[in-house]
Amino acid sequence: MDALRIATKAVEIYAARHPRPPHVTITQAAEMLGRSRGTVSTMLDRYKIRLNACGQIPIECVDRLLAASD
């Protein structure tokens, strides 16, 4: 049980020091999704992912696709 508590604390510390960005590039989204940049571009063309006004992908879109693949 002690190991679980230590691991949980380590994850909390890491998350606090490395917050997730609110938006990612197409390349970053591809890495997060385990897909190629071309596949993510196709997903954009088919409106499965949207770009924001800055031309980046909101992290919520990536999260939605990751949740759907589980």
PDB file of N, CA and C in Angstrom:
ATOM      1  N   MET A   1       0.825  -1.192   0.000  1.00  0.00           N
ATOM      2  CA  MET A   1       0.000   0.000   0.000  1.00  0.00           C
ATOM      3  C   MET A   1       0.864   1.249   0.000  1.00  0.00           C
ATOM      4  N   ASP A   2       1.997   1.164   0.648  1.00  0.00           N
ATOM      5  CA  ASP A   2       2.916   2.297   0.699  1.00  0.00           C
ATOM      6  C   ASP A   2       3.423   2.658  -0.700  1.00  0.00           C
ATOM      7  N   ALA A   3       3.673   1.642  -1.517  1.00  0.00           N
ATOM      8  CA  ALA A   3       4.154   1.888  -2.879  1.00  0.00           C
ATOM      9  C   ALA A   3       3.100   2.627  -3.701  1.00  0.00           C
ATOM     10  N   LEU A   4       1.844   2.284  -3.502  1.00  0.00           N
ATOM     11  CA  LEU A   4       0.764   2.958  -4.220  1.00  0.00           C
ATOM     12  C   LEU A   4       0.679   4.424  -3.817  1.00  0.00           C
ATOM     13  N   ARG A   5       0.816   4.705  -2.541  1.00  0.00           N
ATOM     14  CA  ARG A   5       0.778   6.083  -2.054  1.00  0.00           C
ATOM     15  C   ARG A   5       1.932   6.885  -2.636  1.00  0.00           C
ATOM     16  N   ILE A   6       3.110   6.298  -2.684  1.00  0.00           N
ATOM     17  CA  ILE A   6       4.288   6.974  -3.236  1.00  0.00           C
ATOM     18  C   ILE A   6       4.099   7.226  -4.732  1.00  0.00           C
ATOM     19  N   ALA A   7       3.597   6.230  -5.452  1.00  0.00           N
ATOM     20  CA  ALA A   7       3.380   6.387  -6.893  1.00  0.00           C
ATOM     21  C   ALA A   7       2.342   7.467  -7.174  1.00  0.00           C
ATOM     22  N   THR A   8       1.283   7.493  -6.391  1.00  0.00           N
ATOM     23  CA  THR A   8       0.247   8.513  -6.560  1.00  0.00           C
ATOM     24  C   THR A   8       0.816   9.901  -6.334  1.00  0.00           C
ATOM     25  N   LYS A   9       1.619  10.053  -5.310  1.00  0.00           N
ATOM     26  CA  LYS A   9       2.237  11.346  -5.010  1.00  0.00           C
ATOM     27  C   LYS A   9       3.179  11.758  -6.143  1.00  0.00           C
ATOM     28  N   ALA A  10       3.932  10.810  -6.692  1.00  0.00           N
ATOM     29  CA  ALA A  10       4.853  11.112  -7.792  1.00  0.00           C
ATOM     30  C   ALA A  10       4.086  11.615  -9.015  1.00  0.00           C
ATOM     31  N   VAL A  11       2.959  11.001  -9.310  1.00  0.00           N
ATOM     32  CA  VAL A  11       2.140  11.433 -10.445  1.00  0.00           C
ATOM     33  C   VAL A  11       1.596  12.833 -10.199  1.00  0.00           C
ATOM     34  N   GLU A  12       1.155  13.112  -8.990  1.00  0.00           N
ATOM     35  CA  GLU A  12       0.647  14.446  -8.651  1.00  0.00           C
ATOM     36  C   GLU A  12       1.728  15.510  -8.816  1.00  0.00           C
ATOM     37  N   ILE A  13       2.934  15.212  -8.354  1.00  0.00           N
ATOM     38  CA  ILE A  13       4.049  16.164  -8.472  1.00  0.00           C
ATOM     39  C   ILE A  13       4.381  16.397  -9.940  1.00  0.00           C
ATOM     40  N   TYR A  14       4.442  15.334 -10.732  1.00  0.00           N
ATOM     41  CA  TYR A  14       4.747  15.467 -12.154  1.00  0.00           C
ATOM     42  C   TYR A  14       3.690  16.313 -12.855  1.00  0.00           C
ATOM     43  N   ALA A  15       2.421  16.042 -12.569  1.00  0.00           N
ATOM     44  CA  ALA A  15       1.337  16.785 -13.215  1.00  0.00           C
ATOM     45  C   ALA A  15       1.389  18.264 -12.852  1.00  0.00           C
ATOM     46  N   ALA A  16       1.761  18.564 -11.625  1.00  0.00           N
ATOM     47  CA  ALA A  16       1.845  19.963 -11.195  1.00  0.00           C
ATOM     48  C   ALA A  16       2.983  20.691 -11.897  1.00  0.00           C
ATOM     49  N   ARG A  17       4.041  19.987 -12.189  1.00  0.00           N
ATOM     50  CA  ARG A  17       5.208  20.614 -12.833  1.00  0.00           C
ATOM     51  C   ARG A  17       5.107  20.622 -14.346  1.00  0.00           C
ATOM     52  N   HIS A  18       4.307  19.763 -14.898  1.00  0.00           N
ATOM     53  CA  HIS A  18       4.164  19.646 -16.349  1.00  0.00           C
ATOM     54  C   HIS A  18       2.691  19.730 -16.728  1.00  0.00           C
ATOM     55  N   PRO A  19       2.099  20.914 -16.575  1.00  0.00           N
ATOM     56  CA  PRO A  19       0.676  21.029 -16.921  1.00  0.00           C
ATOM     57  C   PRO A  19       0.455  20.834 -18.420  1.00  0.00           C
ATOM     58  N   ARG A  20      -0.694  20.303 -18.743  1.00  0.00           N
ATOM     59  CA  ARG A  20      -1.019  20.087 -20.155  1.00  0.00           C
ATOM     60  C   ARG A  20      -1.354  21.414 -20.807  1.00  0.00           C
ATOM     61  N   PRO A  21      -0.930  21.583 -22.040  1.00  0.00           N
ATOM     62  CA  PRO A  21      -1.253  22.826 -22.748  1.00  0.00           C
ATOM     63  C   PRO A  21      -2.730  22.838 -23.139  1.00  0.00           C
ATOM     64  N   PRO A  22      -3.324  24.015 -23.251  1.00  0.00           N
ATOM     65  CA  PRO A  22      -4.729  24.073 -23.653  1.00  0.00           C
ATOM     66  C   PRO A  22      -4.932  23.763 -25.140  1.00  0.00           C
ATOM     67  N   HIS A  23      -3.882  23.937 -25.941  1.00  0.00           N
ATOM     68  CA  HIS A  23      -3.948  23.713 -27.387  1.00  0.00           C
ATOM     69  C   HIS A  23      -2.652  23.052 -27.827  1.00  0.00           C
ATOM     70  N   VAL A  24      -2.715  22.224 -28.870  1.00  0.00           N
ATOM     71  CA  VAL A  24      -1.529  21.552 -29.394  1.00  0.00           C
ATOM     72  C   VAL A  24      -1.474  21.703 -30.908  1.00  0.00           C
ATOM     73  N   THR A  25      -0.282  21.514 -31.459  1.00  0.00           N
ATOM     74  CA  THR A  25      -0.114  21.546 -32.909  1.00  0.00           C
ATOM     75  C   THR A  25      -0.600  20.221 -33.504  1.00  0.00           C
ATOM     76  N   ILE A  26      -0.691  20.178 -34.813  1.00  0.00           N
ATOM     77  CA  ILE A  26      -1.094  18.939 -35.481  1.00  0.00           C
ATOM     78  C   ILE A  26      -0.091  17.833 -35.173  1.00  0.00           C
ATOM     79  N   THR A  27       1.185  18.158 -35.195  1.00  0.00           N
ATOM     80  CA  THR A  27       2.228  17.170 -34.906  1.00  0.00           C
ATOM     81  C   THR A  27       2.115  16.658 -33.478  1.00  0.00           C
ATOM     82  N   GLN A  28       1.894  17.553 -32.522  1.00  0.00           N
ATOM     83  CA  GLN A  28       1.746  17.138 -31.128  1.00  0.00           C
ATOM     84  C   GLN A  28       0.507  16.262 -30.949  1.00  0.00           C
ATOM     85  N   ALA A  29      -0.589  16.634 -31.589  1.00  0.00           N
ATOM     86  CA  ALA A  29      -1.812  15.827 -31.503  1.00  0.00           C
ATOM     87  C   ALA A  29      -1.566  14.436 -32.078  1.00  0.00           C
ATOM     88  N   ALA A  30      -0.848  14.360 -33.184  1.00  0.00           N
ATOM     89  CA  ALA A  30      -0.538  13.066 -33.793  1.00  0.00           C
ATOM     90  C   ALA A  30       0.255  12.193 -32.830  1.00  0.00           C
ATOM     91  N   GLU A  31       1.240  12.778 -32.161  1.00  0.00           N
ATOM     92  CA  GLU A  31       2.034  12.024 -31.189  1.00  0.00           C
ATOM     93  C   GLU A  31       1.157  11.539 -30.036  1.00  0.00           C
ATOM     94  N   MET A  32       0.293  12.397 -29.534  1.00  0.00           N
ATOM     95  CA  MET A  32      -0.572  12.033 -28.410  1.00  0.00           C
ATOM     96  C   MET A  32      -1.563  10.935 -28.787  1.00  0.00           C
ATOM     97  N   LEU A  33      -2.022  10.952 -30.030  1.00  0.00           N
ATOM     98  CA  LEU A  33      -3.010   9.981 -30.497  1.00  0.00           C
ATOM     99  C   LEU A  33      -2.378   8.706 -31.047  1.00  0.00           C
ATOM    100  N   GLY A  34      -1.059   8.713 -31.222  1.00  0.00           N
ATOM    101  CA  GLY A  34      -0.394   7.552 -31.801  1.00  0.00           C
ATOM    102  C   GLY A  34      -0.713   7.385 -33.274  1.00  0.00           C
ATOM    103  N   ARG A  35      -0.907   8.495 -33.960  1.00  0.00           N
ATOM    104  CA  ARG A  35      -1.235   8.507 -35.386  1.00  0.00           C
ATOM    105  C   ARG A  35      -0.186   9.320 -36.134  1.00  0.00           C
ATOM    106  N   SER A  36      -0.227   9.263 -37.437  1.00  0.00           N
ATOM    107  CA  SER A  36       0.679  10.079 -38.238  1.00  0.00           C
ATOM    108  C   SER A  36       0.106  11.482 -38.374  1.00  0.00           C
ATOM    109  N   ARG A  37       0.964  12.408 -38.763  1.00  0.00           N
ATOM    110  CA  ARG A  37       0.519  13.785 -38.980  1.00  0.00           C
ATOM    111  C   ARG A  37      -0.511  13.828 -40.114  1.00  0.00           C
ATOM    112  N   GLY A  38      -0.295  13.002 -41.131  1.00  0.00           N
ATOM    113  CA  GLY A  38      -1.231  12.933 -42.252  1.00  0.00           C
ATOM    114  C   GLY A  38      -2.611  12.442 -41.840  1.00  0.00           C
ATOM    115  N   THR A  39      -2.649  11.459 -40.947  1.00  0.00           N
ATOM    116  CA  THR A  39      -3.932  10.955 -40.458  1.00  0.00           C
ATOM    117  C   THR A  39      -4.683  12.033 -39.692  1.00  0.00           C
ATOM    118  N   VAL A  40      -3.965  12.792 -38.867  1.00  0.00           N
ATOM    119  CA  VAL A  40      -4.607  13.871 -38.116  1.00  0.00           C
ATOM    120  C   VAL A  40      -5.096  14.951 -39.080  1.00  0.00           C
ATOM    121  N   SER A  41      -4.334  15.228 -40.118  1.00  0.00           N
ATOM    122  CA  SER A  41      -4.779  16.202 -41.125  1.00  0.00           C
ATOM    123  C   SER A  41      -6.060  15.726 -41.808  1.00  0.00           C
ATOM    124  N   THR A  42      -6.143  14.431 -42.091  1.00  0.00           N
ATOM    125  CA  THR A  42      -7.358  13.866 -42.678  1.00  0.00           C
ATOM    126  C   THR A  42      -8.533  14.002 -41.714  1.00  0.00           C
ATOM    127  N   MET A  43      -8.277  13.784 -40.433  1.00  0.00           N
ATOM    128  CA  MET A  43      -9.331  13.940 -39.424  1.00  0.00           C
ATOM    129  C   MET A  43      -9.829  15.386 -39.392  1.00  0.00           C
ATOM    130  N   LEU A  44      -8.924  16.324 -39.589  1.00  0.00           N
ATOM    131  CA  LEU A  44      -9.313  17.736 -39.661  1.00  0.00           C
ATOM    132  C   LEU A  44     -10.206  17.973 -40.873  1.00  0.00           C
ATOM    133  N   ASP A  45      -9.808  17.405 -42.013  1.00  0.00           N
ATOM    134  CA  ASP A  45     -10.589  17.569 -43.244  1.00  0.00           C
ATOM    135  C   ASP A  45     -11.996  16.987 -43.105  1.00  0.00           C
ATOM    136  N   ARG A  46     -12.114  15.920 -42.324  1.00  0.00           N
ATOM    137  CA  ARG A  46     -13.416  15.255 -42.152  1.00  0.00           C
ATOM    138  C   ARG A  46     -14.167  15.773 -40.925  1.00  0.00           C
ATOM    139  N   TYR A  47     -13.676  16.842 -40.336  1.00  0.00           N
ATOM    140  CA  TYR A  47     -14.314  17.509 -39.190  1.00  0.00           C
ATOM    141  C   TYR A  47     -14.390  16.647 -37.935  1.00  0.00           C
ATOM    142  N   LYS A  48     -13.482  15.671 -37.795  1.00  0.00           N
ATOM    143  CA  LYS A  48     -13.422  14.893 -36.557  1.00  0.00           C
ATOM    144  C   LYS A  48     -12.633  15.652 -35.498  1.00  0.00           C
ATOM    145  N   ILE A  49     -11.799  16.574 -35.955  1.00  0.00           N
ATOM    146  CA  ILE A  49     -11.023  17.456 -35.077  1.00  0.00           C
ATOM    147  C   ILE A  49     -11.205  18.860 -35.632  1.00  0.00           C
ATOM    148  N   ARG A  50     -11.221  19.831 -34.745  1.00  0.00           N
ATOM    149  CA  ARG A  50     -11.345  21.219 -35.204  1.00  0.00           C
ATOM    150  C   ARG A  50     -10.114  22.014 -34.780  1.00  0.00           C
ATOM    151  N   LEU A  51      -9.853  23.072 -35.511  1.00  0.00           N
ATOM    152  CA  LEU A  51      -8.784  24.004 -35.159  1.00  0.00           C
ATOM    153  C   LEU A  51      -9.401  25.223 -34.490  1.00  0.00           C
ATOM    154  N   ASN A  52      -8.641  25.825 -33.583  1.00  0.00           N
ATOM    155  CA  ASN A  52      -9.112  27.074 -32.983  1.00  0.00           C
ATOM    156  C   ASN A  52      -8.668  28.244 -33.859  1.00  0.00           C
ATOM    157  N   ALA A  53      -8.901  29.455 -33.402  1.00  0.00           N
ATOM    158  CA  ALA A  53      -8.575  30.653 -34.183  1.00  0.00           C
ATOM    159  C   ALA A  53      -7.078  30.807 -34.427  1.00  0.00           C
ATOM    160  N   CYS A  54      -6.260  30.179 -33.595  1.00  0.00           N
ATOM    161  CA  CYS A  54      -4.797  30.258 -33.741  1.00  0.00           C
ATOM    162  C   CYS A  54      -4.245  29.141 -34.617  1.00  0.00           C
ATOM    163  N   GLY A  55      -5.113  28.284 -35.137  1.00  0.00           N
ATOM    164  CA  GLY A  55      -4.656  27.189 -35.983  1.00  0.00           C
ATOM    165  C   GLY A  55      -4.127  25.997 -35.212  1.00  0.00           C
ATOM    166  N   GLN A  56      -4.502  25.893 -33.937  1.00  0.00           N
ATOM    167  CA  GLN A  56      -4.087  24.751 -33.132  1.00  0.00           C
ATOM    168  C   GLN A  56      -5.308  23.936 -32.720  1.00  0.00           C
ATOM    169  N   ILE A  57      -5.048  22.737 -32.230  1.00  0.00           N
ATOM    170  CA  ILE A  57      -6.119  21.823 -31.847  1.00  0.00           C
ATOM    171  C   ILE A  57      -6.347  21.932 -30.342  1.00  0.00           C
ATOM    172  N   PRO A  58      -7.575  22.228 -29.915  1.00  0.00           N
ATOM    173  CA  PRO A  58      -7.861  22.266 -28.482  1.00  0.00           C
ATOM    174  C   PRO A  58      -7.622  20.891 -27.852  1.00  0.00           C
ATOM    175  N   ILE A  59      -7.054  20.869 -26.672  1.00  0.00           N
ATOM    176  CA  ILE A  59      -6.725  19.609 -26.000  1.00  0.00           C
ATOM    177  C   ILE A  59      -7.982  18.772 -25.753  1.00  0.00           C
ATOM    178  N   GLU A  60      -9.139  19.428 -25.625  1.00  0.00           N
ATOM    179  CA  GLU A  60     -10.389  18.693 -25.416  1.00  0.00           C
ATOM    180  C   GLU A  60     -10.697  17.774 -26.599  1.00  0.00           C
ATOM    181  N   CYS A  61     -10.344  18.202 -27.797  1.00  0.00           N
ATOM    182  CA  CYS A  61     -10.560  17.366 -28.983  1.00  0.00           C
ATOM    183  C   CYS A  61      -9.695  16.114 -28.921  1.00  0.00           C
ATOM    184  N   VAL A  62      -8.459  16.283 -28.498  1.00  0.00           N
ATOM    185  CA  VAL A  62      -7.551  15.141 -28.359  1.00  0.00           C
ATOM    186  C   VAL A  62      -8.082  14.197 -27.284  1.00  0.00           C
ATOM    187  N   ASP A  63      -8.500  14.754 -26.146  1.00  0.00           N
ATOM    188  CA  ASP A  63      -9.039  13.937 -25.056  1.00  0.00           C
ATOM    189  C   ASP A  63     -10.262  13.145 -25.509  1.00  0.00           C
ATOM    190  N   ARG A  64     -11.133  13.781 -26.283  1.00  0.00           N
ATOM    191  CA  ARG A  64     -12.345  13.118 -26.773  1.00  0.00           C
ATOM    192  C   ARG A  64     -11.986  11.918 -27.649  1.00  0.00           C
ATOM    193  N   LEU A  65     -11.007  12.097 -28.533  1.00  0.00           N
ATOM    194  CA  LEU A  65     -10.595  11.000 -29.414  1.00  0.00           C
ATOM    195  C   LEU A  65      -9.911   9.884 -28.636  1.00  0.00           C
ATOM    196  N   LEU A  66      -9.121  10.249 -27.634  1.00  0.00           N
ATOM    197  CA  LEU A  66      -8.472   9.231 -26.804  1.00  0.00           C
ATOM    198  C   LEU A  66      -9.506   8.427 -26.023  1.00  0.00           C
ATOM    199  N   ALA A  67     -10.509   9.107 -25.489  1.00  0.00           N
ATOM    200  CA  ALA A  67     -11.557   8.417 -24.730  1.00  0.00           C
ATOM    201  C   ALA A  67     -12.365   7.487 -25.634  1.00  0.00           C
ATOM    202  N   ALA A  68     -12.598   7.903 -26.864  1.00  0.00           N
ATOM    203  CA  ALA A  68     -13.375   7.092 -27.803  1.00  0.00           C
ATOM    204  C   ALA A  68     -12.622   5.838 -28.229  1.00  0.00           C
ATOM    205  N   SER A  69     -11.296   5.885 -28.179  1.00  0.00           N
ATOM    206  CA  SER A  69     -10.501   4.733 -28.618  1.00  0.00           C
ATOM    207  C   SER A  69     -10.327   3.690 -27.524  1.00  0.00           C
ATOM    208  N   ASP A  70     -10.747   4.017 -26.297  1.00  0.00           N
ATOM    209  CA  ASP A  70     -10.617   3.049 -25.181  1.00  0.00           C
ATOM    210  C   ASP A  70     -11.686   2.012 -25.187  1.00  0.00           C
TER     211      ASP A  70
END
